[in-house]
Amino acid sequence: MPSVSLRLTDAQVSWLDAQTKQFRNRSDVLRDLIDSQMGNLDSSGTLIKPSPEGEKVLSLDVPTTKETPISNNSLSGGSKGETAEKDAYAKKTLGDDLIPNDLLDCDQLLREFWSVKKGVRSERVFHRVINKLREWTPAVRRSALEAAANAGWPDVYEPRQSGGRQQQQATDWDALEKSLPKF
């Protein structure tokens, strides 16, 4: 199934979180919204139900019940404060809000690297990786992320220049032997 990445305002995320339940995550809510409104579209991008202002808008007929959303860490007994924020970096999957805008060109590679990397996953490690990636060109970023993801490295490393390590010059053993004193 194809995946879509999108950015939401804080108010939209709050509303979306209020609609989730224990076995119904954000993706399920968004898919249900799309499925329920697909029949109301008359063409791509326009909706059939006009608003009072005359514009065509989507009417969200979702009941606004005051259910208490279940936090992701409620089973472990944690509170939804600083622990939930640190858990976002500790997971193998990166949330859309964690990917910086200036690194969207390597979004998928960064997610793939984070999911297969060995070692600790933390906010500090994530920011170290991000800061390294910002120093490099987009081509070097992609190359470094691909190599790190393929090898499962705990960090990203700047790729070596073509040719690998510098070749040592061949030793001229005959000249060396002639230069040594005879005993």
N, C-alpha and C. Protein backbone atom coordinates (compact mmCIF):
# COMPACT_ATOMS: atom_id res chain seq x y z
N MET A 1 0.85 -1.16 0.00
CA MET A 1 0.00 0.00 0.00
C MET A 1 0.90 1.23 0.00
N PRO A 2 0.65 2.20 -0.87
CA PRO A 2 1.46 3.42 -0.89
C PRO A 2 1.29 4.19 0.42
N SER A 3 2.32 4.94 0.79
CA SER A 3 2.23 5.76 2.00
C SER A 3 2.28 7.23 1.61
N VAL A 4 1.66 8.05 2.44
CA VAL A 4 1.59 9.49 2.20
C VAL A 4 2.08 10.18 3.46
N SER A 5 2.90 11.19 3.27
CA SER A 5 3.41 11.98 4.39
C SER A 5 2.74 13.34 4.33
N LEU A 6 2.23 13.82 5.47
CA LEU A 6 1.59 15.12 5.48
C LEU A 6 1.88 15.85 6.77
N ARG A 7 1.74 17.16 6.73
CA ARG A 7 1.99 17.99 7.88
C ARG A 7 0.66 18.56 8.37
N LEU A 8 0.44 18.53 9.69
CA LEU A 8 -0.80 18.99 10.29
C LEU A 8 -0.50 20.07 11.32
N THR A 9 -1.48 20.94 11.56
CA THR A 9 -1.35 21.93 12.62
C THR A 9 -1.57 21.24 13.96
N ASP A 10 -1.22 21.93 15.03
CA ASP A 10 -1.42 21.36 16.36
C ASP A 10 -2.90 21.08 16.62
N ALA A 11 -3.77 21.97 16.16
CA ALA A 11 -5.21 21.78 16.35
C ALA A 11 -5.69 20.53 15.60
N GLN A 12 -5.19 20.32 14.38
CA GLN A 12 -5.58 19.15 13.60
C GLN A 12 -5.09 17.87 14.27
N VAL A 13 -3.88 17.89 14.80
CA VAL A 13 -3.35 16.71 15.48
C VAL A 13 -4.17 16.41 16.74
N SER A 14 -4.55 17.46 17.46
CA SER A 14 -5.37 17.26 18.67
C SER A 14 -6.71 16.62 18.31
N TRP A 15 -7.34 17.13 17.25
CA TRP A 15 -8.62 16.56 16.81
C TRP A 15 -8.43 15.10 16.39
N LEU A 16 -7.36 14.85 15.63
CA LEU A 16 -7.09 13.50 15.14
C LEU A 16 -6.84 12.54 16.30
N ASP A 17 -6.07 12.98 17.28
CA ASP A 17 -5.81 12.13 18.45
C ASP A 17 -7.08 11.85 19.24
N ALA A 18 -8.00 12.81 19.26
CA ALA A 18 -9.26 12.61 19.97
C ALA A 18 -10.12 11.54 19.29
N GLN A 19 -9.89 11.31 18.00
CA GLN A 19 -10.68 10.31 17.26
C GLN A 19 -10.09 8.91 17.35
N THR A 20 -8.86 8.79 17.81
CA THR A 20 -8.23 7.47 17.87
C THR A 20 -8.69 6.71 19.11
N LYS A 21 -8.65 5.42 18.99
CA LYS A 21 -9.01 4.52 20.08
C LYS A 21 -7.91 3.48 20.21
N GLN A 22 -8.08 2.54 21.10
CA GLN A 22 -7.02 1.58 21.38
C GLN A 22 -6.56 0.83 20.12
N PHE A 23 -7.47 0.34 19.31
CA PHE A 23 -7.09 -0.41 18.12
C PHE A 23 -7.37 0.35 16.84
N ARG A 24 -7.42 1.65 16.93
CA ARG A 24 -7.69 2.50 15.76
C ARG A 24 -6.73 3.67 15.82
N ASN A 25 -5.69 3.64 14.99
CA ASN A 25 -4.66 4.67 15.04
C ASN A 25 -4.97 5.83 14.10
N ARG A 26 -4.06 6.78 14.01
CA ARG A 26 -4.26 7.97 13.18
C ARG A 26 -4.50 7.61 11.72
N SER A 27 -3.73 6.66 11.22
CA SER A 27 -3.87 6.25 9.82
C SER A 27 -5.27 5.73 9.53
N ASP A 28 -5.80 4.93 10.45
CA ASP A 28 -7.15 4.39 10.28
C ASP A 28 -8.19 5.51 10.22
N VAL A 29 -8.04 6.51 11.09
CA VAL A 29 -8.99 7.63 11.11
C VAL A 29 -8.94 8.39 9.79
N LEU A 30 -7.73 8.67 9.31
CA LEU A 30 -7.59 9.41 8.05
C LEU A 30 -8.13 8.61 6.87
N ARG A 31 -7.86 7.30 6.84
CA ARG A 31 -8.40 6.48 5.75
C ARG A 31 -9.92 6.46 5.79
N ASP A 32 -10.51 6.37 7.00
CA ASP A 32 -11.96 6.39 7.12
C ASP A 32 -12.54 7.71 6.63
N LEU A 33 -11.88 8.82 6.95
CA LEU A 33 -12.35 10.13 6.49
C LEU A 33 -12.32 10.20 4.96
N ILE A 34 -11.24 9.74 4.39
CA ILE A 34 -11.13 9.77 2.92
C ILE A 34 -12.18 8.87 2.29
N ASP A 35 -12.33 7.66 2.81
CA ASP A 35 -13.32 6.73 2.26
C ASP A 35 -14.74 7.29 2.36
N SER A 36 -15.05 7.93 3.49
CA SER A 36 -16.41 8.44 3.68
C SER A 36 -16.71 9.63 2.79
N GLN A 37 -15.68 10.35 2.34
CA GLN A 37 -15.91 11.54 1.54
C GLN A 37 -15.61 11.37 0.06
N MET A 38 -15.12 10.21 -0.34
CA MET A 38 -14.78 10.00 -1.75
C MET A 38 -16.00 10.13 -2.65
N GLY A 39 -17.16 9.72 -2.18
CA GLY A 39 -18.36 9.82 -3.00
C GLY A 39 -18.85 11.26 -3.14
N ASN A 40 -18.41 12.17 -2.28
CA ASN A 40 -18.85 13.56 -2.34
C ASN A 40 -17.99 14.42 -3.25
N LEU A 41 -16.99 13.85 -3.87
CA LEU A 41 -16.12 14.62 -4.76
C LEU A 41 -16.70 14.62 -6.17
N ASP A 42 -16.76 15.80 -6.80
CA ASP A 42 -17.22 15.84 -8.18
C ASP A 42 -16.04 15.85 -9.15
N SER A 43 -14.86 16.23 -8.73
CA SER A 43 -13.62 16.12 -9.50
C SER A 43 -12.47 16.23 -8.51
N SER A 44 -11.27 16.07 -8.99
CA SER A 44 -10.15 16.11 -8.06
C SER A 44 -10.02 17.50 -7.46
N GLY A 45 -10.07 17.54 -6.15
CA GLY A 45 -9.85 18.80 -5.46
C GLY A 45 -11.08 19.62 -5.15
N THR A 46 -12.24 19.32 -5.70
CA THR A 46 -13.45 20.08 -5.38
C THR A 46 -14.46 19.16 -4.73
N LEU A 47 -15.24 19.71 -3.84
CA LEU A 47 -16.22 18.94 -3.10
C LEU A 47 -17.63 19.41 -3.47
N ILE A 48 -18.59 18.51 -3.32
CA ILE A 48 -19.95 18.81 -3.74
C ILE A 48 -20.68 19.69 -2.75
N LYS A 49 -20.54 19.46 -1.44
CA LYS A 49 -21.31 20.22 -0.46
C LYS A 49 -20.79 21.66 -0.35
N PRO A 50 -21.57 22.66 -0.77
CA PRO A 50 -21.11 24.05 -0.65
C PRO A 50 -21.29 24.54 0.79
N SER A 51 -20.41 25.44 1.19
CA SER A 51 -20.50 26.03 2.52
C SER A 51 -21.38 27.28 2.45
N PRO A 52 -21.76 27.84 3.59
CA PRO A 52 -22.57 29.05 3.58
C PRO A 52 -21.88 30.22 2.88
N GLU A 53 -20.52 30.23 2.88
CA GLU A 53 -19.80 31.32 2.23
C GLU A 53 -19.76 31.14 0.72
N GLY A 54 -20.25 30.04 0.20
CA GLY A 54 -20.27 29.80 -1.23
C GLY A 54 -19.13 28.94 -1.72
N GLU A 55 -18.11 28.71 -0.90
CA GLU A 55 -17.00 27.85 -1.29
C GLU A 55 -17.39 26.40 -1.07
N LYS A 56 -16.76 25.52 -1.78
CA LYS A 56 -17.01 24.11 -1.58
C LYS A 56 -16.04 23.60 -0.52
N VAL A 57 -16.56 23.06 0.59
CA VAL A 57 -15.73 22.56 1.68
C VAL A 57 -16.20 21.19 2.11
N LEU A 58 -15.34 20.52 2.78
CA LEU A 58 -15.65 19.19 3.30
C LEU A 58 -16.36 19.32 4.63
N SER A 59 -17.51 18.70 4.75
CA SER A 59 -18.24 18.71 6.01
C SER A 59 -17.88 17.47 6.79
N LEU A 60 -17.24 17.64 7.92
CA LEU A 60 -16.85 16.50 8.74
C LEU A 60 -17.99 16.14 9.67
N ASP A 61 -18.74 15.12 9.32
CA ASP A 61 -19.88 14.69 10.12
C ASP A 61 -19.44 13.61 11.10
N VAL A 62 -18.37 13.86 11.79
CA VAL A 62 -17.86 12.92 12.78
C VAL A 62 -18.40 13.34 14.13
N PRO A 63 -18.99 12.41 14.88
CA PRO A 63 -19.52 12.79 16.18
C PRO A 63 -18.41 13.31 17.09
N THR A 64 -18.69 14.39 17.77
CA THR A 64 -17.69 14.98 18.66
C THR A 64 -17.96 14.53 20.08
N THR A 65 -17.60 13.31 20.35
CA THR A 65 -17.76 12.78 21.70
C THR A 65 -16.55 13.15 22.51
N LYS A 66 -16.74 13.28 23.78
CA LYS A 66 -15.65 13.65 24.68
C LYS A 66 -15.03 12.40 25.27
N GLU A 67 -14.46 11.56 24.42
CA GLU A 67 -13.78 10.37 24.90
C GLU A 67 -12.35 10.75 25.27
N THR A 68 -11.82 10.08 26.25
CA THR A 68 -10.44 10.32 26.63
C THR A 68 -9.55 9.49 25.71
N PRO A 69 -8.68 10.16 24.96
CA PRO A 69 -7.82 9.37 24.07
C PRO A 69 -6.85 8.51 24.87
N ILE A 70 -6.56 7.35 24.33
CA ILE A 70 -5.64 6.44 24.98
C ILE A 70 -4.25 6.77 24.50
N SER A 71 -3.35 7.10 25.41
CA SER A 71 -2.00 7.45 25.01
C SER A 71 -1.24 6.19 24.63
N ASN A 72 -0.21 6.37 23.82
CA ASN A 72 0.58 5.23 23.35
C ASN A 72 1.29 4.51 24.48
N ASN A 73 1.58 5.23 25.57
CA ASN A 73 2.33 4.59 26.63
C ASN A 73 1.48 4.31 27.86
N SER A 74 0.16 4.25 27.70
CA SER A 74 -0.71 4.00 28.85
C SER A 74 -0.57 2.57 29.37
N LEU A 75 -0.17 1.64 28.50
CA LEU A 75 -0.01 0.27 28.94
C LEU A 75 1.23 0.11 29.82
N SER A 76 2.23 0.96 29.60
CA SER A 76 3.44 0.86 30.41
C SER A 76 3.34 1.70 31.67
N GLY A 77 2.26 2.43 31.84
CA GLY A 77 2.05 3.20 33.05
C GLY A 77 2.68 4.57 33.01
N GLY A 78 3.26 4.98 31.89
CA GLY A 78 3.90 6.29 31.79
C GLY A 78 2.87 7.38 31.61
N SER A 79 3.30 8.60 31.83
CA SER A 79 2.42 9.73 31.59
C SER A 79 2.71 10.30 30.22
N LYS A 80 1.74 11.01 29.65
CA LYS A 80 1.92 11.53 28.30
C LYS A 80 2.58 12.89 28.38
N GLY A 81 3.78 12.92 28.87
CA GLY A 81 4.52 14.16 28.98
C GLY A 81 5.84 14.01 28.26
N GLU A 82 6.90 14.23 28.99
CA GLU A 82 8.23 14.16 28.41
C GLU A 82 8.56 12.73 27.96
N THR A 83 8.03 11.73 28.62
CA THR A 83 8.30 10.35 28.26
C THR A 83 7.80 10.04 26.85
N ALA A 84 6.62 10.54 26.49
CA ALA A 84 6.08 10.27 25.17
C ALA A 84 6.94 10.92 24.10
N GLU A 85 7.50 12.11 24.39
CA GLU A 85 8.36 12.78 23.41
C GLU A 85 9.64 11.99 23.20
N LYS A 86 10.24 11.49 24.26
CA LYS A 86 11.46 10.71 24.11
C LYS A 86 11.17 9.38 23.44
N ASP A 87 10.00 8.81 23.67
CA ASP A 87 9.63 7.56 23.03
C ASP A 87 9.53 7.73 21.52
N ALA A 88 9.20 8.92 21.05
CA ALA A 88 9.09 9.16 19.62
C ALA A 88 10.43 8.90 18.93
N TYR A 89 11.53 9.21 19.58
CA TYR A 89 12.85 8.97 19.00
C TYR A 89 13.32 7.55 19.25
N ALA A 90 12.82 6.90 20.27
CA ALA A 90 13.26 5.55 20.61
C ALA A 90 12.63 4.50 19.70
N LYS A 91 11.54 4.85 19.05
CA LYS A 91 10.87 3.88 18.17
C LYS A 91 11.66 3.69 16.88
N LYS A 92 11.40 2.57 16.22
CA LYS A 92 12.06 2.31 14.94
C LYS A 92 11.46 3.13 13.81
N THR A 93 10.24 3.61 13.98
CA THR A 93 9.60 4.43 12.95
C THR A 93 9.62 5.89 13.39
N LEU A 94 9.96 6.76 12.46
CA LEU A 94 10.00 8.19 12.74
C LEU A 94 8.67 8.83 12.35
N GLY A 95 8.13 9.64 13.22
CA GLY A 95 6.91 10.36 12.91
C GLY A 95 7.17 11.46 11.90
N ASP A 96 6.14 11.87 11.18
CA ASP A 96 6.27 12.92 10.18
C ASP A 96 6.75 14.23 10.78
N ASP A 97 6.39 14.49 12.03
CA ASP A 97 6.77 15.75 12.67
C ASP A 97 8.24 15.77 13.07
N LEU A 98 8.93 14.65 13.04
CA LEU A 98 10.33 14.60 13.45
C LEU A 98 11.30 14.90 12.31
N ILE A 99 10.85 14.76 11.06
CA ILE A 99 11.72 14.99 9.92
C ILE A 99 11.79 16.50 9.65
N PRO A 100 13.00 17.09 9.72
CA PRO A 100 13.11 18.53 9.47
C PRO A 100 12.80 18.88 8.01
N ASN A 101 12.27 20.06 7.80
CA ASN A 101 11.89 20.49 6.46
C ASN A 101 13.07 20.55 5.50
N ASP A 102 14.25 20.92 6.00
CA ASP A 102 15.41 21.04 5.12
C ASP A 102 15.99 19.68 4.70
N LEU A 103 15.49 18.60 5.28
CA LEU A 103 15.97 17.26 4.92
C LEU A 103 14.89 16.41 4.28
N LEU A 104 13.86 17.04 3.75
CA LEU A 104 12.78 16.28 3.12
C LEU A 104 13.23 15.58 1.85
N ASP A 105 14.34 16.02 1.26
CA ASP A 105 14.85 15.36 0.06
C ASP A 105 15.33 13.94 0.34
N CYS A 106 15.68 13.65 1.58
CA CYS A 106 16.13 12.30 1.93
C CYS A 106 15.24 11.69 3.02
N ASP A 107 13.98 12.08 3.02
CA ASP A 107 13.00 11.65 4.02
C ASP A 107 12.91 10.12 4.12
N GLN A 108 12.68 9.45 3.00
CA GLN A 108 12.50 8.00 3.01
C GLN A 108 13.78 7.28 3.42
N LEU A 109 14.93 7.77 2.94
CA LEU A 109 16.20 7.13 3.31
C LEU A 109 16.48 7.30 4.80
N LEU A 110 16.15 8.46 5.34
CA LEU A 110 16.35 8.69 6.77
C LEU A 110 15.47 7.76 7.60
N ARG A 111 14.22 7.58 7.18
CA ARG A 111 13.32 6.66 7.87
C ARG A 111 13.84 5.21 7.79
N GLU A 112 14.32 4.83 6.60
CA GLU A 112 14.83 3.47 6.43
C GLU A 112 16.07 3.25 7.31
N PHE A 113 16.98 4.23 7.32
CA PHE A 113 18.17 4.12 8.17
C PHE A 113 17.78 3.98 9.63
N TRP A 114 16.85 4.83 10.10
CA TRP A 114 16.47 4.82 11.51
C TRP A 114 15.83 3.48 11.90
N SER A 115 15.11 2.87 10.97
CA SER A 115 14.43 1.61 11.30
C SER A 115 15.39 0.43 11.38
N VAL A 116 16.53 0.47 10.68
CA VAL A 116 17.44 -0.67 10.68
C VAL A 116 18.73 -0.42 11.43
N LYS A 117 18.93 0.79 11.93
CA LYS A 117 20.20 1.11 12.59
C LYS A 117 20.40 0.28 13.85
N LYS A 118 21.66 -0.02 14.13
CA LYS A 118 22.00 -0.72 15.36
C LYS A 118 22.30 0.32 16.42
N GLY A 119 22.21 -0.07 17.67
CA GLY A 119 22.56 0.83 18.75
C GLY A 119 21.36 1.60 19.28
N VAL A 120 21.67 2.65 20.00
CA VAL A 120 20.66 3.43 20.72
C VAL A 120 19.91 4.35 19.77
N ARG A 121 18.61 4.44 19.99
CA ARG A 121 17.76 5.41 19.29
C ARG A 121 17.28 6.40 20.34
N SER A 122 17.76 7.62 20.26
CA SER A 122 17.37 8.64 21.22
C SER A 122 17.31 9.99 20.52
N GLU A 123 16.79 10.97 21.22
CA GLU A 123 16.71 12.32 20.65
C GLU A 123 18.11 12.85 20.37
N ARG A 124 19.03 12.61 21.28
CA ARG A 124 20.40 13.09 21.11
C ARG A 124 21.06 12.46 19.88
N VAL A 125 20.91 11.16 19.72
CA VAL A 125 21.48 10.47 18.57
C VAL A 125 20.84 10.97 17.28
N PHE A 126 19.53 11.16 17.29
CA PHE A 126 18.82 11.64 16.11
C PHE A 126 19.35 13.01 15.68
N HIS A 127 19.50 13.92 16.64
CA HIS A 127 19.97 15.26 16.31
C HIS A 127 21.43 15.25 15.84
N ARG A 128 22.25 14.33 16.37
CA ARG A 128 23.62 14.21 15.88
C ARG A 128 23.61 13.78 14.41
N VAL A 129 22.77 12.82 14.06
CA VAL A 129 22.67 12.36 12.68
C VAL A 129 22.17 13.49 11.78
N ILE A 130 21.14 14.20 12.24
CA ILE A 130 20.57 15.30 11.46
C ILE A 130 21.62 16.38 11.21
N ASN A 131 22.39 16.73 12.25
CA ASN A 131 23.41 17.77 12.10
C ASN A 131 24.50 17.35 11.11
N LYS A 132 24.86 16.07 11.12
CA LYS A 132 25.83 15.59 10.14
C LYS A 132 25.27 15.72 8.73
N LEU A 133 24.02 15.29 8.55
CA LEU A 133 23.41 15.33 7.22
C LEU A 133 23.30 16.75 6.69
N ARG A 134 23.06 17.71 7.56
CA ARG A 134 22.93 19.11 7.12
C ARG A 134 24.24 19.68 6.59
N GLU A 135 25.37 19.12 7.01
CA GLU A 135 26.68 19.60 6.56
C GLU A 135 27.01 19.13 5.15
N TRP A 136 26.32 18.13 4.64
CA TRP A 136 26.67 17.52 3.37
C TRP A 136 25.71 17.94 2.27
N THR A 137 26.14 17.73 1.03
CA THR A 137 25.29 18.00 -0.13
C THR A 137 24.21 16.92 -0.21
N PRO A 138 23.12 17.18 -0.92
CA PRO A 138 22.07 16.16 -1.04
C PRO A 138 22.57 14.82 -1.60
N ALA A 139 23.49 14.86 -2.55
CA ALA A 139 24.00 13.61 -3.12
C ALA A 139 24.80 12.82 -2.09
N VAL A 140 25.61 13.52 -1.30
CA VAL A 140 26.40 12.85 -0.26
C VAL A 140 25.48 12.31 0.83
N ARG A 141 24.43 13.08 1.16
CA ARG A 141 23.45 12.61 2.15
C ARG A 141 22.85 11.28 1.74
N ARG A 142 22.35 11.25 0.49
CA ARG A 142 21.71 10.03 0.00
C ARG A 142 22.69 8.85 0.02
N SER A 143 23.90 9.09 -0.42
CA SER A 143 24.90 8.03 -0.46
C SER A 143 25.21 7.53 0.96
N ALA A 144 25.38 8.45 1.89
CA ALA A 144 25.69 8.08 3.28
C ALA A 144 24.54 7.32 3.92
N LEU A 145 23.31 7.78 3.70
CA LEU A 145 22.15 7.11 4.29
C LEU A 145 21.94 5.72 3.69
N GLU A 146 22.15 5.59 2.38
CA GLU A 146 22.01 4.28 1.73
C GLU A 146 23.03 3.30 2.29
N ALA A 147 24.28 3.75 2.42
CA ALA A 147 25.33 2.86 2.93
C ALA A 147 25.05 2.47 4.38
N ALA A 148 24.64 3.45 5.19
CA ALA A 148 24.37 3.18 6.61
C ALA A 148 23.17 2.24 6.78
N ALA A 149 22.14 2.44 5.97
CA ALA A 149 20.95 1.58 6.07
C ALA A 149 21.26 0.16 5.60
N ASN A 150 22.02 0.04 4.52
CA ASN A 150 22.36 -1.29 4.00
C ASN A 150 23.23 -2.08 4.97
N ALA A 151 24.11 -1.38 5.68
CA ALA A 151 25.02 -2.06 6.61
C ALA A 151 24.47 -2.12 8.03
N GLY A 152 23.39 -1.38 8.32
CA GLY A 152 22.83 -1.35 9.66
C GLY A 152 23.71 -0.62 10.66
N TRP A 153 24.52 0.32 10.16
CA TRP A 153 25.44 1.07 11.03
C TRP A 153 24.68 1.87 12.08
N PRO A 154 25.29 2.12 13.22
CA PRO A 154 24.63 2.91 14.26
C PRO A 154 24.65 4.41 13.98
N ASP A 155 25.41 4.84 12.97
CA ASP A 155 25.54 6.26 12.64
C ASP A 155 25.75 6.39 11.14
N VAL A 156 25.67 7.62 10.64
CA VAL A 156 25.98 7.86 9.22
C VAL A 156 27.40 8.39 9.14
N TYR A 157 28.09 7.97 8.10
CA TYR A 157 29.47 8.38 7.89
C TYR A 157 29.61 8.94 6.49
N GLU A 158 30.43 9.96 6.37
CA GLU A 158 30.63 10.56 5.05
C GLU A 158 31.30 9.54 4.14
N PRO A 159 30.74 9.34 2.95
CA PRO A 159 31.31 8.34 2.03
C PRO A 159 32.73 8.71 1.62
N ARG A 160 33.55 7.71 1.44
CA ARG A 160 34.91 7.94 0.98
C ARG A 160 34.89 8.35 -0.48
N GLN A 161 35.91 9.06 -0.86
CA GLN A 161 36.05 9.45 -2.26
C GLN A 161 36.33 8.20 -3.09
N SER A 162 36.04 8.27 -4.38
CA SER A 162 36.24 7.09 -5.22
C SER A 162 37.71 6.68 -5.17
N GLY A 163 37.94 5.40 -5.17
CA GLY A 163 39.29 4.87 -5.07
C GLY A 163 39.59 4.34 -3.69
N GLY A 164 38.73 4.64 -2.73
CA GLY A 164 38.93 4.11 -1.39
C GLY A 164 40.17 4.69 -0.73
N ARG A 165 40.88 3.87 0.01
CA ARG A 165 42.09 4.31 0.69
C ARG A 165 43.18 4.61 -0.34
N GLN A 166 44.05 5.53 0.02
CA GLN A 166 45.15 5.83 -0.88
C GLN A 166 46.07 4.62 -0.98
N GLN A 167 46.49 4.34 -2.18
CA GLN A 167 47.38 3.21 -2.40
C GLN A 167 48.79 3.59 -1.94
N GLN A 168 49.40 2.71 -1.17
CA GLN A 168 50.77 2.96 -0.75
C GLN A 168 51.68 2.72 -1.95
N GLN A 169 52.74 3.51 -2.00
CA GLN A 169 53.67 3.33 -3.10
C GLN A 169 54.40 2.01 -2.92
N ALA A 170 54.66 1.38 -4.03
CA ALA A 170 55.37 0.10 -3.99
C ALA A 170 56.79 0.33 -3.50
N THR A 171 57.27 -0.54 -2.65
CA THR A 171 58.61 -0.42 -2.12
C THR A 171 59.61 -1.03 -3.10
N ASP A 172 60.62 -0.28 -3.39
CA ASP A 172 61.68 -0.77 -4.28
C ASP A 172 62.69 -1.50 -3.40
N TRP A 173 62.53 -2.80 -3.26
CA TRP A 173 63.36 -3.59 -2.35
C TRP A 173 64.82 -3.64 -2.81
N ASP A 174 65.04 -3.65 -4.09
CA ASP A 174 66.42 -3.71 -4.60
C ASP A 174 67.19 -2.45 -4.20
N ALA A 175 66.56 -1.28 -4.37
CA ALA A 175 67.22 -0.02 -4.01
C ALA A 175 67.45 0.05 -2.51
N LEU A 176 66.51 -0.45 -1.74
CA LEU A 176 66.63 -0.43 -0.29
C LEU A 176 67.78 -1.33 0.16
N GLU A 177 67.90 -2.49 -0.47
CA GLU A 177 68.95 -3.44 -0.12
C GLU A 177 70.33 -2.87 -0.43
N LYS A 178 70.46 -2.14 -1.51
CA LYS A 178 71.74 -1.56 -1.92
C LYS A 178 72.13 -0.44 -0.97
N SER A 179 71.13 0.26 -0.37
CA SER A 179 71.44 1.38 0.50
C SER A 179 71.85 0.94 1.90
N LEU A 180 71.59 -0.31 2.27
CA LEU A 180 71.94 -0.80 3.61
C LEU A 180 73.42 -1.14 3.67
N PRO A 181 74.04 -0.89 4.83
CA PRO A 181 75.48 -1.24 4.94
C PRO A 181 75.66 -2.75 4.97
N LYS A 182 76.80 -3.18 4.43
CA LYS A 182 77.11 -4.62 4.39
C LYS A 182 77.90 -4.98 5.65
N PHE A 183 77.59 -6.09 6.25
CA PHE A 183 78.29 -6.56 7.45
C PHE A 183 79.06 -7.78 7.16
